[in-house]
């Protein structure tokens, strides 16, 4: 997993906390592109958001039941997000 995978998990979790509902794919994609639009390290071809979401789903990090939400495994993995560690330092 890289920082962009963690970013997807964070977008899903933040949306769940703020909206009290599961996030739809279109909203997830829009929020992802908004977050990375200023990131010059990532090209459109590298973003592959659909592939990233699919891999996170297959790895058991998220589930799709009328929208995406994190599984227990996904919430645990999000606790190790790179930016969360930097905030503590």
N, C-alpha and C. Protein backbone atom coordinates (compact mmCIF):
# COMPACT_ATOMS: atom_id res chain seq x y z
N UNK A 1 0.85 -1.19 0.00
CA UNK A 1 0.00 0.00 0.00
C UNK A 1 0.88 1.24 0.00
N UNK A 2 0.45 2.24 -0.76
CA UNK A 2 1.17 3.50 -0.76
C UNK A 2 0.25 4.60 -0.18
N UNK A 3 0.76 5.82 -0.21
CA UNK A 3 -0.01 6.90 0.43
C UNK A 3 -1.35 7.14 -0.25
N UNK A 4 -1.46 6.82 -1.54
CA UNK A 4 -2.72 7.04 -2.24
C UNK A 4 -3.78 6.01 -1.85
N UNK A 5 -3.34 4.80 -1.54
CA UNK A 5 -4.27 3.79 -1.02
C UNK A 5 -4.79 4.23 0.35
N UNK A 6 -3.87 4.71 1.18
CA UNK A 6 -4.28 5.22 2.48
C UNK A 6 -5.22 6.42 2.33
N UNK A 7 -4.97 7.23 1.31
CA UNK A 7 -5.82 8.39 1.07
C UNK A 7 -7.25 7.94 0.76
N UNK A 8 -7.40 6.90 -0.03
CA UNK A 8 -8.73 6.38 -0.35
C UNK A 8 -9.42 5.89 0.92
N UNK A 9 -8.70 5.16 1.75
CA UNK A 9 -9.28 4.70 3.02
C UNK A 9 -9.70 5.89 3.88
N UNK A 10 -8.86 6.93 3.91
CA UNK A 10 -9.17 8.11 4.71
C UNK A 10 -10.40 8.84 4.17
N UNK A 11 -10.52 8.94 2.86
CA UNK A 11 -11.69 9.60 2.26
C UNK A 11 -12.97 8.86 2.65
N UNK A 12 -12.92 7.53 2.58
CA UNK A 12 -14.09 6.73 2.92
C UNK A 12 -14.46 6.90 4.39
N UNK A 13 -13.46 6.84 5.27
CA UNK A 13 -13.71 6.96 6.71
C UNK A 13 -14.21 8.35 7.08
N UNK A 14 -13.60 9.38 6.51
CA UNK A 14 -14.01 10.76 6.80
C UNK A 14 -15.45 10.99 6.35
N UNK A 15 -15.79 10.51 5.18
CA UNK A 15 -17.15 10.66 4.67
C UNK A 15 -18.15 9.97 5.60
N UNK A 16 -17.81 8.77 6.05
CA UNK A 16 -18.69 8.01 6.94
C UNK A 16 -18.91 8.78 8.24
N UNK A 17 -17.86 9.38 8.79
CA UNK A 17 -17.98 10.12 10.03
C UNK A 17 -18.80 11.40 9.86
N UNK A 18 -18.60 12.08 8.74
CA UNK A 18 -19.28 13.35 8.52
C UNK A 18 -20.73 13.18 8.04
N UNK A 19 -20.98 12.21 7.18
CA UNK A 19 -22.29 12.06 6.56
C UNK A 19 -23.14 10.96 7.17
N UNK A 20 -22.54 10.11 8.00
CA UNK A 20 -23.24 8.98 8.61
C UNK A 20 -23.84 8.04 7.57
N UNK A 21 -23.17 7.92 6.43
CA UNK A 21 -23.62 7.00 5.39
C UNK A 21 -22.43 6.53 4.57
N UNK A 22 -22.66 5.55 3.75
CA UNK A 22 -21.60 5.01 2.90
C UNK A 22 -21.39 5.93 1.71
N UNK A 23 -20.18 5.98 1.21
CA UNK A 23 -19.83 6.88 0.12
C UNK A 23 -20.05 6.19 -1.23
N UNK A 24 -20.62 6.90 -2.15
CA UNK A 24 -20.83 6.39 -3.50
C UNK A 24 -19.54 6.52 -4.31
N UNK A 25 -19.41 5.69 -5.32
CA UNK A 25 -18.19 5.66 -6.14
C UNK A 25 -17.89 7.03 -6.76
N UNK A 26 -18.89 7.68 -7.31
CA UNK A 26 -18.67 8.98 -7.96
C UNK A 26 -18.14 10.02 -6.96
N UNK A 27 -18.66 10.01 -5.75
CA UNK A 27 -18.22 10.96 -4.72
C UNK A 27 -16.79 10.62 -4.28
N UNK A 28 -16.52 9.33 -4.13
CA UNK A 28 -15.17 8.88 -3.76
C UNK A 28 -14.15 9.32 -4.81
N UNK A 29 -14.47 9.11 -6.08
CA UNK A 29 -13.56 9.51 -7.14
C UNK A 29 -13.35 11.02 -7.17
N UNK A 30 -14.42 11.77 -7.02
CA UNK A 30 -14.32 13.23 -7.04
C UNK A 30 -13.44 13.73 -5.89
N UNK A 31 -13.64 13.18 -4.68
CA UNK A 31 -12.85 13.60 -3.53
C UNK A 31 -11.38 13.22 -3.68
N UNK A 32 -11.12 12.04 -4.28
CA UNK A 32 -9.75 11.61 -4.52
C UNK A 32 -9.05 12.57 -5.48
N UNK A 33 -9.70 12.91 -6.59
CA UNK A 33 -9.08 13.80 -7.57
C UNK A 33 -8.87 15.19 -6.99
N UNK A 34 -9.77 15.66 -6.13
CA UNK A 34 -9.59 16.97 -5.49
C UNK A 34 -8.36 16.97 -4.60
N UNK A 35 -8.16 15.88 -3.86
CA UNK A 35 -7.01 15.81 -2.96
C UNK A 35 -5.68 15.74 -3.70
N UNK A 36 -5.67 15.09 -4.85
CA UNK A 36 -4.37 14.89 -5.53
C UNK A 36 -4.11 15.88 -6.65
N UNK A 37 -5.02 16.80 -6.92
CA UNK A 37 -4.83 17.68 -8.07
C UNK A 37 -3.57 18.53 -7.97
N UNK A 38 -3.11 18.82 -6.77
CA UNK A 38 -1.90 19.62 -6.62
C UNK A 38 -0.66 18.74 -6.46
N UNK A 39 -0.83 17.44 -6.48
CA UNK A 39 0.28 16.51 -6.29
C UNK A 39 0.99 16.28 -7.62
N UNK A 40 2.17 16.83 -7.76
CA UNK A 40 2.91 16.71 -9.02
C UNK A 40 3.64 15.37 -9.13
N UNK A 41 3.70 14.60 -8.05
CA UNK A 41 4.39 13.30 -8.08
C UNK A 41 3.55 12.21 -8.73
N UNK A 42 2.28 12.46 -8.94
CA UNK A 42 1.37 11.43 -9.42
C UNK A 42 0.76 11.84 -10.75
N UNK A 43 0.92 11.01 -11.75
CA UNK A 43 0.30 11.29 -13.04
C UNK A 43 -1.06 10.59 -13.09
N UNK A 44 -1.87 10.96 -14.06
CA UNK A 44 -3.19 10.36 -14.21
C UNK A 44 -3.09 8.85 -14.37
N UNK A 45 -2.11 8.41 -15.15
CA UNK A 45 -1.93 6.98 -15.35
C UNK A 45 -1.55 6.24 -14.09
N UNK A 46 -0.83 6.90 -13.21
CA UNK A 46 -0.43 6.26 -11.95
C UNK A 46 -1.57 6.22 -10.94
N UNK A 47 -2.52 7.13 -11.05
CA UNK A 47 -3.59 7.21 -10.07
C UNK A 47 -4.44 5.94 -10.07
N UNK A 48 -4.89 5.51 -11.26
CA UNK A 48 -5.65 4.27 -11.41
C UNK A 48 -6.60 4.03 -10.23
N UNK A 49 -7.47 4.97 -9.97
CA UNK A 49 -8.33 4.87 -8.79
C UNK A 49 -9.21 3.63 -8.82
N UNK A 50 -9.72 3.27 -9.98
CA UNK A 50 -10.56 2.08 -10.06
C UNK A 50 -9.79 0.83 -9.67
N UNK A 51 -8.58 0.72 -10.15
CA UNK A 51 -7.72 -0.42 -9.80
C UNK A 51 -7.38 -0.41 -8.31
N UNK A 52 -7.12 0.76 -7.77
CA UNK A 52 -6.81 0.88 -6.34
C UNK A 52 -8.00 0.44 -5.49
N UNK A 53 -9.19 0.90 -5.84
CA UNK A 53 -10.39 0.53 -5.09
C UNK A 53 -10.61 -0.98 -5.18
N UNK A 54 -10.45 -1.54 -6.36
CA UNK A 54 -10.61 -2.97 -6.55
C UNK A 54 -9.63 -3.75 -5.69
N UNK A 55 -8.37 -3.34 -5.68
CA UNK A 55 -7.37 -4.04 -4.87
C UNK A 55 -7.67 -3.93 -3.38
N UNK A 56 -8.11 -2.77 -2.93
CA UNK A 56 -8.48 -2.60 -1.52
C UNK A 56 -9.66 -3.50 -1.16
N UNK A 57 -10.60 -3.62 -2.08
CA UNK A 57 -11.76 -4.48 -1.88
C UNK A 57 -11.32 -5.94 -1.79
N UNK A 58 -10.47 -6.37 -2.73
CA UNK A 58 -10.00 -7.75 -2.75
C UNK A 58 -9.13 -8.08 -1.55
N UNK A 59 -8.44 -7.07 -1.01
CA UNK A 59 -7.61 -7.27 0.18
C UNK A 59 -8.43 -7.23 1.47
N UNK A 60 -9.74 -6.99 1.35
CA UNK A 60 -10.60 -6.98 2.53
C UNK A 60 -10.55 -5.70 3.33
N UNK A 61 -10.11 -4.61 2.71
CA UNK A 61 -10.02 -3.33 3.41
C UNK A 61 -11.33 -2.54 3.37
N UNK A 62 -12.13 -2.79 2.36
CA UNK A 62 -13.40 -2.09 2.26
C UNK A 62 -14.46 -3.03 1.69
N UNK A 63 -15.69 -2.61 1.87
CA UNK A 63 -16.81 -3.37 1.35
C UNK A 63 -17.77 -2.42 0.66
N UNK A 64 -18.60 -2.98 -0.21
CA UNK A 64 -19.54 -2.17 -0.96
C UNK A 64 -20.94 -2.70 -0.71
N UNK A 65 -21.68 -2.00 0.10
CA UNK A 65 -23.08 -2.31 0.37
C UNK A 65 -23.85 -1.01 0.25
N UNK A 66 -24.36 -0.75 -0.94
CA UNK A 66 -25.02 0.53 -1.23
C UNK A 66 -24.08 1.69 -0.97
N UNK A 67 -22.84 1.52 -1.32
CA UNK A 67 -21.79 2.51 -1.11
C UNK A 67 -20.63 1.87 -0.38
N UNK A 68 -19.49 2.52 -0.43
CA UNK A 68 -18.28 1.96 0.17
C UNK A 68 -18.14 2.34 1.63
N UNK A 69 -17.64 1.40 2.41
CA UNK A 69 -17.32 1.62 3.81
C UNK A 69 -16.11 0.75 4.15
N UNK A 70 -15.39 1.11 5.20
CA UNK A 70 -14.23 0.33 5.59
C UNK A 70 -14.64 -0.89 6.41
N UNK A 71 -13.88 -1.94 6.24
CA UNK A 71 -14.04 -3.11 7.10
C UNK A 71 -13.19 -2.88 8.34
N UNK A 72 -13.28 -3.81 9.28
CA UNK A 72 -12.44 -3.71 10.48
C UNK A 72 -10.97 -3.68 10.08
N UNK A 73 -10.60 -4.52 9.14
CA UNK A 73 -9.22 -4.58 8.66
C UNK A 73 -8.81 -3.24 8.04
N UNK A 74 -9.70 -2.62 7.30
CA UNK A 74 -9.42 -1.32 6.69
C UNK A 74 -9.23 -0.22 7.73
N UNK A 75 -10.06 -0.23 8.76
CA UNK A 75 -9.93 0.77 9.84
C UNK A 75 -8.62 0.57 10.59
N UNK A 76 -8.25 -0.68 10.82
CA UNK A 76 -6.98 -0.95 11.50
C UNK A 76 -5.81 -0.50 10.65
N UNK A 77 -5.86 -0.75 9.35
CA UNK A 77 -4.77 -0.35 8.45
C UNK A 77 -4.66 1.16 8.37
N UNK A 78 -5.78 1.86 8.41
CA UNK A 78 -5.78 3.32 8.33
C UNK A 78 -5.04 3.93 9.51
N UNK A 79 -5.04 3.25 10.63
CA UNK A 79 -4.33 3.76 11.81
C UNK A 79 -2.83 3.89 11.55
N UNK A 80 -2.32 3.17 10.53
CA UNK A 80 -0.90 3.22 10.21
C UNK A 80 -0.59 4.12 9.02
N UNK A 81 -1.53 4.98 8.66
CA UNK A 81 -1.33 5.88 7.51
C UNK A 81 -0.10 6.75 7.74
N UNK A 82 0.69 6.97 6.70
CA UNK A 82 1.95 7.72 6.84
C UNK A 82 1.76 9.12 7.43
N UNK A 83 0.71 9.83 7.05
CA UNK A 83 0.54 11.19 7.55
C UNK A 83 0.11 11.19 9.02
N UNK A 84 -0.54 10.14 9.50
CA UNK A 84 -0.93 10.07 10.90
C UNK A 84 0.33 9.97 11.78
N UNK A 85 1.33 9.22 11.35
CA UNK A 85 2.58 9.09 12.10
C UNK A 85 3.32 10.41 12.14
N UNK A 86 3.30 11.16 11.05
CA UNK A 86 4.00 12.45 10.99
C UNK A 86 3.35 13.48 11.90
N UNK A 87 2.05 13.38 12.12
CA UNK A 87 1.37 14.35 12.97
C UNK A 87 1.78 14.19 14.43
N UNK A 88 2.17 12.99 14.81
CA UNK A 88 2.54 12.74 16.20
C UNK A 88 3.94 13.24 16.52
N UNK A 89 4.76 13.40 15.52
CA UNK A 89 6.16 13.80 15.76
C UNK A 89 6.28 15.29 16.03
